[in-house]
C-alpha atoms as a PDB file:
ATOM      1  CA  MET A   1     -41.846  -1.859 -34.230  1.00  0.00           C
ATOM      2  CA  LYS A   2     -40.805   1.794 -34.409  1.00  0.00           C
ATOM      3  CA  GLN A   3     -41.299   2.152 -30.660  1.00  0.00           C
ATOM      4  CA  LYS A   4     -38.997  -0.829 -30.039  1.00  0.00           C
ATOM      5  CA  ILE A   5     -36.314   0.687 -32.275  1.00  0.00           C
ATOM      6  CA  VAL A   6     -36.613   4.041 -30.513  1.00  0.00           C
ATOM      7  CA  LYS A   7     -36.374   2.391 -27.089  1.00  0.00           C
ATOM      8  CA  MET A   8     -33.378   0.306 -28.163  1.00  0.00           C
ATOM      9  CA  THR A   9     -31.621   3.373 -29.608  1.00  0.00           C
ATOM     10  CA  PHE A  10     -32.299   5.315 -26.408  1.00  0.00           C
ATOM     11  CA  PHE A  11     -30.908   2.421 -24.338  1.00  0.00           C
ATOM     12  CA  ILE A  12     -27.708   2.216 -26.436  1.00  0.00           C
ATOM     13  CA  VAL A  13     -27.143   5.985 -26.205  1.00  0.00           C
ATOM     14  CA  LEU A  14     -27.731   5.896 -22.434  1.00  0.00           C
ATOM     15  CA  MET A  15     -25.241   3.057 -21.997  1.00  0.00           C
ATOM     16  CA  ALA A  16     -22.651   4.894 -24.099  1.00  0.00           C
ATOM     17  CA  LEU A  17     -23.056   8.044 -22.021  1.00  0.00           C
ATOM     18  CA  THR A  18     -22.726   6.020 -18.808  1.00  0.00           C
ATOM     19  CA  LEU A  19     -19.514   4.400 -20.021  1.00  0.00           C
ATOM     20  CA  VAL A  20     -18.053   7.784 -20.970  1.00  0.00           C
ATOM     21  CA  ALA A  21     -19.008   9.266 -17.600  1.00  0.00           C
ATOM     22  CA  ASN A  22     -17.381   6.375 -15.704  1.00  0.00           C
ATOM     23  CA  THR A  23     -14.189   6.291 -17.746  1.00  0.00           C
ATOM     24  CA  THR A  24     -11.133   7.644 -15.934  1.00  0.00           C
ATOM     25  CA  PRO A  25      -8.344   8.815 -18.247  1.00  0.00           C
ATOM     26  CA  PRO A  26      -5.341   6.450 -17.966  1.00  0.00           C
ATOM     27  CA  MET A  27      -2.319   7.521 -15.964  1.00  0.00           C
ATOM     28  CA  THR A  28       1.294   6.705 -16.840  1.00  0.00           C
ATOM     29  CA  LEU A  29       4.032   5.799 -14.376  1.00  0.00           C
ATOM     30  CA  ASN A  30       6.119   8.981 -14.406  1.00  0.00           C
ATOM     31  CA  GLY A  31       9.014   7.750 -12.270  1.00  0.00           C
ATOM     32  CA  VAL A  32      10.040   5.537  -9.353  1.00  0.00           C
ATOM     33  CA  ALA A  33      12.532   5.736  -6.494  1.00  0.00           C
ATOM     34  CA  LEU A  34      13.830   3.426  -3.793  1.00  0.00           C
ATOM     35  CA  VAL A  35      13.457   4.843  -0.266  1.00  0.00           C
ATOM     36  CA  THR A  36      15.537   3.533   2.642  1.00  0.00           C
ATOM     37  CA  SER A  37      15.487   4.161   6.385  1.00  0.00           C
ATOM     38  CA  VAL A  38      17.590   7.156   7.432  1.00  0.00           C
ATOM     39  CA  LYS A  39      19.573   5.449  10.186  1.00  0.00           C
ATOM     40  CA  LEU A  40      19.971   1.837   9.058  1.00  0.00           C
ATOM     41  CA  LYS A  41      19.720   2.449   5.284  1.00  0.00           C
ATOM     42  CA  GLU A  42      17.416  -0.539   4.989  1.00  0.00           C
ATOM     43  CA  PRO A  43      14.975  -0.543   2.034  1.00  0.00           C
ATOM     44  CA  LEU A  44      11.486   0.542   3.145  1.00  0.00           C
ATOM     45  CA  TYR A  45       9.479   1.104  -0.020  1.00  0.00           C
ATOM     46  CA  ILE A  46       9.575   2.009  -3.686  1.00  0.00           C
ATOM     47  CA  GLY A  47       7.684   5.187  -4.448  1.00  0.00           C
ATOM     48  CA  GLY A  48       6.016   5.885  -7.762  1.00  0.00           C
ATOM     49  CA  ILE A  49       4.134   8.809  -9.283  1.00  0.00           C
ATOM     50  CA  PHE A  50       1.403   8.273 -11.880  1.00  0.00           C
ATOM     51  CA  LEU A  51       0.327  11.162 -14.122  1.00  0.00           C
ATOM     52  CA  GLU A  52      -2.013  11.708 -17.053  1.00  0.00           C
ATOM     53  CA  LYS A  53       0.600  14.065 -18.488  1.00  0.00           C
ATOM     54  CA  PRO A  54       4.145  12.846 -17.669  1.00  0.00           C
ATOM     55  CA  SER A  55       6.584  15.598 -16.695  1.00  0.00           C
ATOM     56  CA  ASN A  56      10.034  15.981 -15.160  1.00  0.00           C
ATOM     57  CA  ARG A  57       9.208  19.415 -13.711  1.00  0.00           C
ATOM     58  CA  ALA A  58       7.827  19.528 -10.172  1.00  0.00           C
ATOM     59  CA  TYR A  59       6.278  22.952 -10.769  1.00  0.00           C
ATOM     60  CA  PHE A  60       4.209  21.753 -13.735  1.00  0.00           C
ATOM     61  CA  ILE A  61       3.119  18.578 -11.922  1.00  0.00           C
ATOM     62  CA  MET A  62       1.787  20.638  -9.021  1.00  0.00           C
ATOM     63  CA  LYS A  63       0.009  23.051 -11.350  1.00  0.00           C
ATOM     64  CA  ASP A  64      -1.578  20.206 -13.318  1.00  0.00           C
ATOM     65  CA  GLN A  65      -5.252  19.639 -12.382  1.00  0.00           C
ATOM     66  CA  ASN A  66      -5.587  16.224 -14.034  1.00  0.00           C
ATOM     67  CA  ASN A  67      -5.656  12.863 -12.235  1.00  0.00           C
ATOM     68  CA  GLN A  68      -2.476  12.098 -10.273  1.00  0.00           C
ATOM     69  CA  ARG A  69      -1.421   9.350  -7.881  1.00  0.00           C
ATOM     70  CA  ILE A  70       1.456   8.744  -5.458  1.00  0.00           C
ATOM     71  CA  GLU A  71       2.095   5.125  -4.476  1.00  0.00           C
ATOM     72  CA  LEU A  72       4.388   3.720  -1.804  1.00  0.00           C
ATOM     73  CA  ARG A  73       4.844   0.000  -2.399  1.00  0.00           C
ATOM     74  CA  ILE A  74       6.323  -1.565   0.709  1.00  0.00           C
ATOM     75  CA  ILE A  75       9.363  -3.836   0.341  1.00  0.00           C
ATOM     76  CA  ALA A  76      10.440  -4.015   4.005  1.00  0.00           C
ATOM     77  CA  GLU A  77       9.399  -7.232   5.728  1.00  0.00           C
ATOM     78  CA  LYS A  78       7.814  -5.067   8.426  1.00  0.00           C
ATOM     79  CA  TRP A  79       7.608  -1.297   8.975  1.00  0.00           C
ATOM     80  CA  SER A  80       6.050   0.249  12.062  1.00  0.00           C
ATOM     81  CA  SER A  81       2.907   2.230  11.202  1.00  0.00           C
ATOM     82  CA  TYR A  82       3.932   4.711  13.874  1.00  0.00           C
ATOM     83  CA  ASN A  83       7.290   5.262  12.160  1.00  0.00           C
ATOM     84  CA  PHE A  84       5.594   5.650   8.780  1.00  0.00           C
ATOM     85  CA  ILE A  85       3.270   8.375  10.094  1.00  0.00           C
ATOM     86  CA  ARG A  86       6.129  10.078  11.947  1.00  0.00           C
ATOM     87  CA  THR A  87       8.272  10.061   8.790  1.00  0.00           C
ATOM     88  CA  LEU A  88       5.409  11.458   6.698  1.00  0.00           C
ATOM     89  CA  ARG A  89       4.787  14.211   9.234  1.00  0.00           C
ATOM     90  CA  ALA A  90       8.478  15.200   9.224  1.00  0.00           C
ATOM     91  CA  GLN A  91       8.673  15.258   5.403  1.00  0.00           C
ATOM     92  CA  VAL A  92       5.535  17.387   5.133  1.00  0.00           C
ATOM     93  CA  ALA A  93       6.810  19.854   7.737  1.00  0.00           C
ATOM     94  CA  LEU A  94      10.149  20.159   5.937  1.00  0.00           C
ATOM     95  CA  ASN A  95       8.545  20.999   2.593  1.00  0.00           C
ATOM     96  CA  SER A  96       5.442  22.848   3.731  1.00  0.00           C
ATOM     97  CA  GLU A  97       6.830  26.265   2.736  1.00  0.00           C
ATOM     98  CA  MET A  98       6.451  25.215  -0.908  1.00  0.00           C
ATOM     99  CA  ALA A  99       2.861  24.095  -0.563  1.00  0.00           C
ATOM    100  CA  PHE A 100       0.759  26.726   1.146  1.00  0.00           C
ATOM    101  CA  SER A 101       1.629  25.931   4.778  1.00  0.00           C
ATOM    102  CA  SER A 102       0.450  29.397   5.807  1.00  0.00           C
ATOM    103  CA  ASN A 103      -3.072  28.537   4.649  1.00  0.00           C
ATOM    104  CA  PRO A 104      -5.042  27.489   7.771  1.00  0.00           C
ATOM    105  CA  GLU A 105      -7.344  25.287   5.680  1.00  0.00           C
ATOM    106  CA  ILE A 106      -4.378  23.265   4.377  1.00  0.00           C
ATOM    107  CA  GLN A 107      -2.980  22.991   7.889  1.00  0.00           C
ATOM    108  CA  ARG A 108      -6.365  21.690   9.041  1.00  0.00           C
ATOM    109  CA  GLN A 109      -6.457  19.114   6.229  1.00  0.00           C
ATOM    110  CA  ILE A 110      -2.964  17.766   6.898  1.00  0.00           C
ATOM    111  CA  ASN A 111      -3.709  17.527  10.625  1.00  0.00           C
ATOM    112  CA  GLN A 112      -6.954  15.706   9.835  1.00  0.00           C
ATOM    113  CA  LEU A 113      -5.125  13.344   7.483  1.00  0.00           C
ATOM    114  CA  LEU A 114      -2.470  12.461  10.058  1.00  0.00           C
ATOM    115  CA  ASP A 115      -5.140  12.063  12.739  1.00  0.00           C
ATOM    116  CA  SER A 116      -7.157   9.821  10.407  1.00  0.00           C
ATOM    117  CA  LEU A 117      -4.094   7.655   9.755  1.00  0.00           C
ATOM    118  CA  ILE A 118      -3.489   7.266  13.484  1.00  0.00           C
ATOM    119  CA  LYS A 119      -7.115   6.250  14.074  1.00  0.00           C
ATOM    120  CA  SER A 120      -7.503   4.133  10.931  1.00  0.00           C
ATOM    121  CA  ALA A 121      -6.734   0.473  10.303  1.00  0.00           C
ATOM    122  CA  LEU A 122      -3.058   1.433  10.709  1.00  0.00           C
ATOM    123  CA  GLN A 123      -3.543   1.633  14.485  1.00  0.00           C
ATOM    124  CA  HIS A 124      -4.080  -2.133  14.582  1.00  0.00           C
ATOM    125  CA  ILE A 125      -1.293  -3.373  12.301  1.00  0.00           C
ATOM    126  CA  ASN A 126       2.155  -2.584  10.973  1.00  0.00           C
ATOM    127  CA  LEU A 127       2.948  -2.172   7.318  1.00  0.00           C
ATOM    128  CA  ARG A 128       4.435  -5.218   5.693  1.00  0.00           C
ATOM    129  CA  LYS A 129       5.927  -6.340   2.409  1.00  0.00           C
ATOM    130  CA  ASN A 130       3.634  -5.849  -0.626  1.00  0.00           C
ATOM    131  CA  ASP A 131       1.319  -3.366   1.106  1.00  0.00           C
ATOM    132  CA  ILE A 132       0.468  -0.295  -0.981  1.00  0.00           C
ATOM    133  CA  ILE A 133      -0.056   3.179   0.463  1.00  0.00           C
ATOM    134  CA  ALA A 134      -1.565   5.623  -2.054  1.00  0.00           C
ATOM    135  CA  PHE A 135      -2.465   9.304  -2.211  1.00  0.00           C
ATOM    136  CA  GLU A 136      -4.620  10.187  -5.196  1.00  0.00           C
ATOM    137  CA  PHE A 137      -6.017  13.370  -6.670  1.00  0.00           C
ATOM    138  CA  SER A 138      -8.954  13.477  -9.065  1.00  0.00           C
ATOM    139  CA  PRO A 139     -10.685  16.690 -10.191  1.00  0.00           C
ATOM    140  CA  GLY A 140     -14.138  15.508  -9.173  1.00  0.00           C
ATOM    141  CA  LYS A 141     -13.231  14.032  -5.799  1.00  0.00           C
ATOM    142  CA  GLY A 142     -10.201  15.869  -4.446  1.00  0.00           C
ATOM    143  CA  THR A 143      -7.431  14.117  -2.493  1.00  0.00           C
ATOM    144  CA  THR A 144      -7.827  10.612  -1.066  1.00  0.00           C
ATOM    145  CA  PHE A 145      -5.647   8.343   1.054  1.00  0.00           C
ATOM    146  CA  GLN A 146      -5.861   4.616   0.330  1.00  0.00           C
ATOM    147  CA  PHE A 147      -4.372   1.568   2.012  1.00  0.00           C
ATOM    148  CA  ASN A 148      -4.377  -1.553  -0.186  1.00  0.00           C
ATOM    149  CA  ASN A 149      -7.199  -0.035  -2.284  1.00  0.00           C
ATOM    150  CA  THR A 150      -9.338   0.811   0.771  1.00  0.00           C
ATOM    151  CA  GLU A 151     -10.054   4.521   1.071  1.00  0.00           C
ATOM    152  CA  LEU A 152      -9.390   5.907   4.556  1.00  0.00           C
ATOM    153  CA  TYR A 153      -9.521   9.667   4.053  1.00  0.00           C
ATOM    154  CA  ASN A 154     -10.788  12.269   1.587  1.00  0.00           C
ATOM    155  CA  ALA A 155     -10.287  16.057   1.363  1.00  0.00           C
ATOM    156  CA  PRO A 156     -11.539  18.522  -1.268  1.00  0.00           C
ATOM    157  CA  GLY A 157      -9.212  20.130  -3.794  1.00  0.00           C
ATOM    158  CA  LYS A 158      -5.568  19.512  -4.718  1.00  0.00           C
ATOM    159  CA  ASP A 159      -3.693  21.616  -2.161  1.00  0.00           C
ATOM    160  CA  LEU A 160      -3.310  18.717   0.270  1.00  0.00           C
ATOM    161  CA  PHE A 161      -2.096  16.447  -2.532  1.00  0.00           C
ATOM    162  CA  ASN A 162       0.510  19.039  -3.550  1.00  0.00           C
ATOM    163  CA  LEU A 163       1.673  19.296   0.040  1.00  0.00           C
ATOM    164  CA  LEU A 164       2.214  15.528   0.099  1.00  0.00           C
ATOM    165  CA  LEU A 165       3.777  15.592  -3.374  1.00  0.00           C
ATOM    166  CA  ALA A 166       6.281  18.212  -2.204  1.00  0.00           C
ATOM    167  CA  SER A 167       7.478  15.743   0.439  1.00  0.00           C
ATOM    168  CA  TRP A 168       9.169  13.722  -2.318  1.00  0.00           C
ATOM    169  CA  ILE A 169       9.785  16.188  -5.175  1.00  0.00           C
ATOM    170  CA  GLY A 170       9.812  19.528  -3.347  1.00  0.00           C
ATOM    171  CA  LYS A 171      12.735  21.723  -2.342  1.00  0.00           C
ATOM    172  CA  HIS A 172      13.785  19.344   0.437  1.00  0.00           C
ATOM    173  CA  PRO A 173      13.234  15.749  -0.764  1.00  0.00           C
ATOM    174  CA  PRO A 174      14.593  12.799   1.249  1.00  0.00           C
ATOM    175  CA  SER A 175      17.431  12.736  -1.311  1.00  0.00           C
ATOM    176  CA  ARG A 176      18.364  14.006  -4.762  1.00  0.00           C
ATOM    177  CA  GLU A 177      18.120  10.441  -6.123  1.00  0.00           C
ATOM    178  CA  ILE A 178      14.540  10.076  -4.873  1.00  0.00           C
ATOM    179  CA  ARG A 179      13.458  13.379  -6.407  1.00  0.00           C
ATOM    180  CA  TYR A 180      15.094  12.674  -9.764  1.00  0.00           C
ATOM    181  CA  GLY A 181      13.761   9.126  -9.830  1.00  0.00           C
ATOM    182  CA  LEU A 182      10.154  10.174  -9.234  1.00  0.00           C
ATOM    183  CA  LEU A 183      10.445  12.964 -11.796  1.00  0.00           C
ATOM    184  CA  GLY A 184      11.689  10.414 -14.321  1.00  0.00           C
ATOM    185  CA  ILE A 185      15.000  12.235 -14.805  1.00  0.00           C
ATOM    186  CA  GLU A 186      17.115   9.300 -13.653  1.00  0.00           C
ATOM    187  CA  VAL A 187      15.450   5.965 -14.389  1.00  0.00           C
ATOM    188  CA  ASP A 188      16.502   2.648 -12.846  1.00  0.00           C
ATOM    189  CA  ASN A 189      14.706  -0.037 -14.829  1.00  0.00           C
ATOM    190  CA  ASN A 190      15.343  -2.705 -12.176  1.00  0.00           C
ATOM    191  CA  ILE A 191      13.613  -0.600  -9.522  1.00  0.00           C
ATOM    192  CA  ARG A 192      10.806   0.173 -11.958  1.00  0.00           C
ATOM    193  CA  ASP A 193      10.280  -3.530 -12.698  1.00  0.00           C
ATOM    194  CA  GLN A 194      10.299  -4.373  -8.986  1.00  0.00           C
ATOM    195  CA  PHE A 195       7.769  -1.607  -8.300  1.00  0.00           C
ATOM    196  CA  LEU A 196       5.387  -2.920 -10.951  1.00  0.00           C
ATOM    197  CA  SER A 197       5.638  -6.470  -9.588  1.00  0.00           C
ATOM    198  CA  ILE A 198       4.438  -5.535  -6.075  1.00  0.00           C
ATOM    199  CA  LEU A 199       0.782  -6.322  -5.333  1.00  0.00           C
ATOM    200  CA  PRO A 200      -0.966  -6.874  -1.960  1.00  0.00           C
ATOM    201  CA  ASP A 201      -2.355 -10.378  -1.465  1.00  0.00           C
ATOM    202  CA  VAL A 202      -6.130 -10.838  -1.385  1.00  0.00           C
ATOM    203  CA  PRO A 203      -6.457 -11.920   2.303  1.00  0.00           C
ATOM    204  CA  ARG A 204      -4.461  -8.868   3.363  1.00  0.00           C
ATOM    205  CA  ARG A 205      -6.720  -6.556   1.344  1.00  0.00           C
ATOM    206  CA  LYS A 206      -9.826  -8.135   2.867  1.00  0.00           C
ATOM    207  CA  MET A 207      -8.407  -7.728   6.377  1.00  0.00           C
ATOM    208  CA  ILE A 208      -7.739  -4.017   5.768  1.00  0.00           C
ATOM    209  CA  ARG A 209     -11.320  -3.523   4.575  1.00  0.00           C
ATOM    210  CA  LEU A 210     -12.683  -5.283   7.668  1.00  0.00           C
ATOM    211  CA  LEU A 211     -10.472  -3.305  10.048  1.00  0.00           C
ATOM    212  CA  SER A 212     -11.431  -0.071   8.299  1.00  0.00           C
ATOM    213  CA  SER A 213     -15.133  -0.874   8.560  1.00  0.00           C
ATOM    214  CA  SER A 214     -14.710  -1.773  12.231  1.00  0.00           C
ATOM    215  CA  THR A 215     -12.908   1.487  12.938  1.00  0.00           C
ATOM    216  CA  VAL A 216     -15.616   3.543  11.214  1.00  0.00           C
ATOM    217  CA  SER A 217     -18.337   1.696  13.162  1.00  0.00           C
ATOM    218  CA  GLN A 218     -16.616   2.348  16.484  1.00  0.00           C
ATOM    219  CA  GLU A 219     -16.260   6.058  15.681  1.00  0.00           C
ATOM    220  CA  GLY A 220     -19.962   6.263  14.880  1.00  0.00           C
ATOM    221  CA  THR A 221     -21.054   4.784  18.228  1.00  0.00           C
END
């Protein structure tokens, strides 16, 4: 009887420790911003930043080593993947002075990221309404790129994440409104509500996973 009690107690403690180890601290939506195309001014996506510790100071967000996430929720009916990658590259280049661009390791990571995007599932399809592009930092894993919840790239540390973060809240953001919106300084509740309502449909998510798996298999052959 005592042995059963000891075993049961051990099992309960083990389960509790497992749950604690697998629990990710919750992140709060810090701010959102509507992003439009430069030439036509057509809505492309709503960007959002999630933080464990909300802040309206870019400097403190970049110094923070807790979990953080950038999401681009697509609202355009269709957006060329090529144009998305080209826009991201231009934004990163414009703000790289703020985020360690002189560091060859960071340059290597950003080049690898862009190369991975070009060779990923994005090479087969264009972005469309309700797709979600995400860049996430977690202390134990580093920086990841996800497309509709499918991970396509991972790099150690937070420097790459900060370089991407600077593209929207750095010294040279796409616009003042975008920077202030993401920092939560100027909040548009309608945009926030629209952002929260955007979710990729299940068939689309499954297709991205299949394309990603196919791409990885081809690279391995």
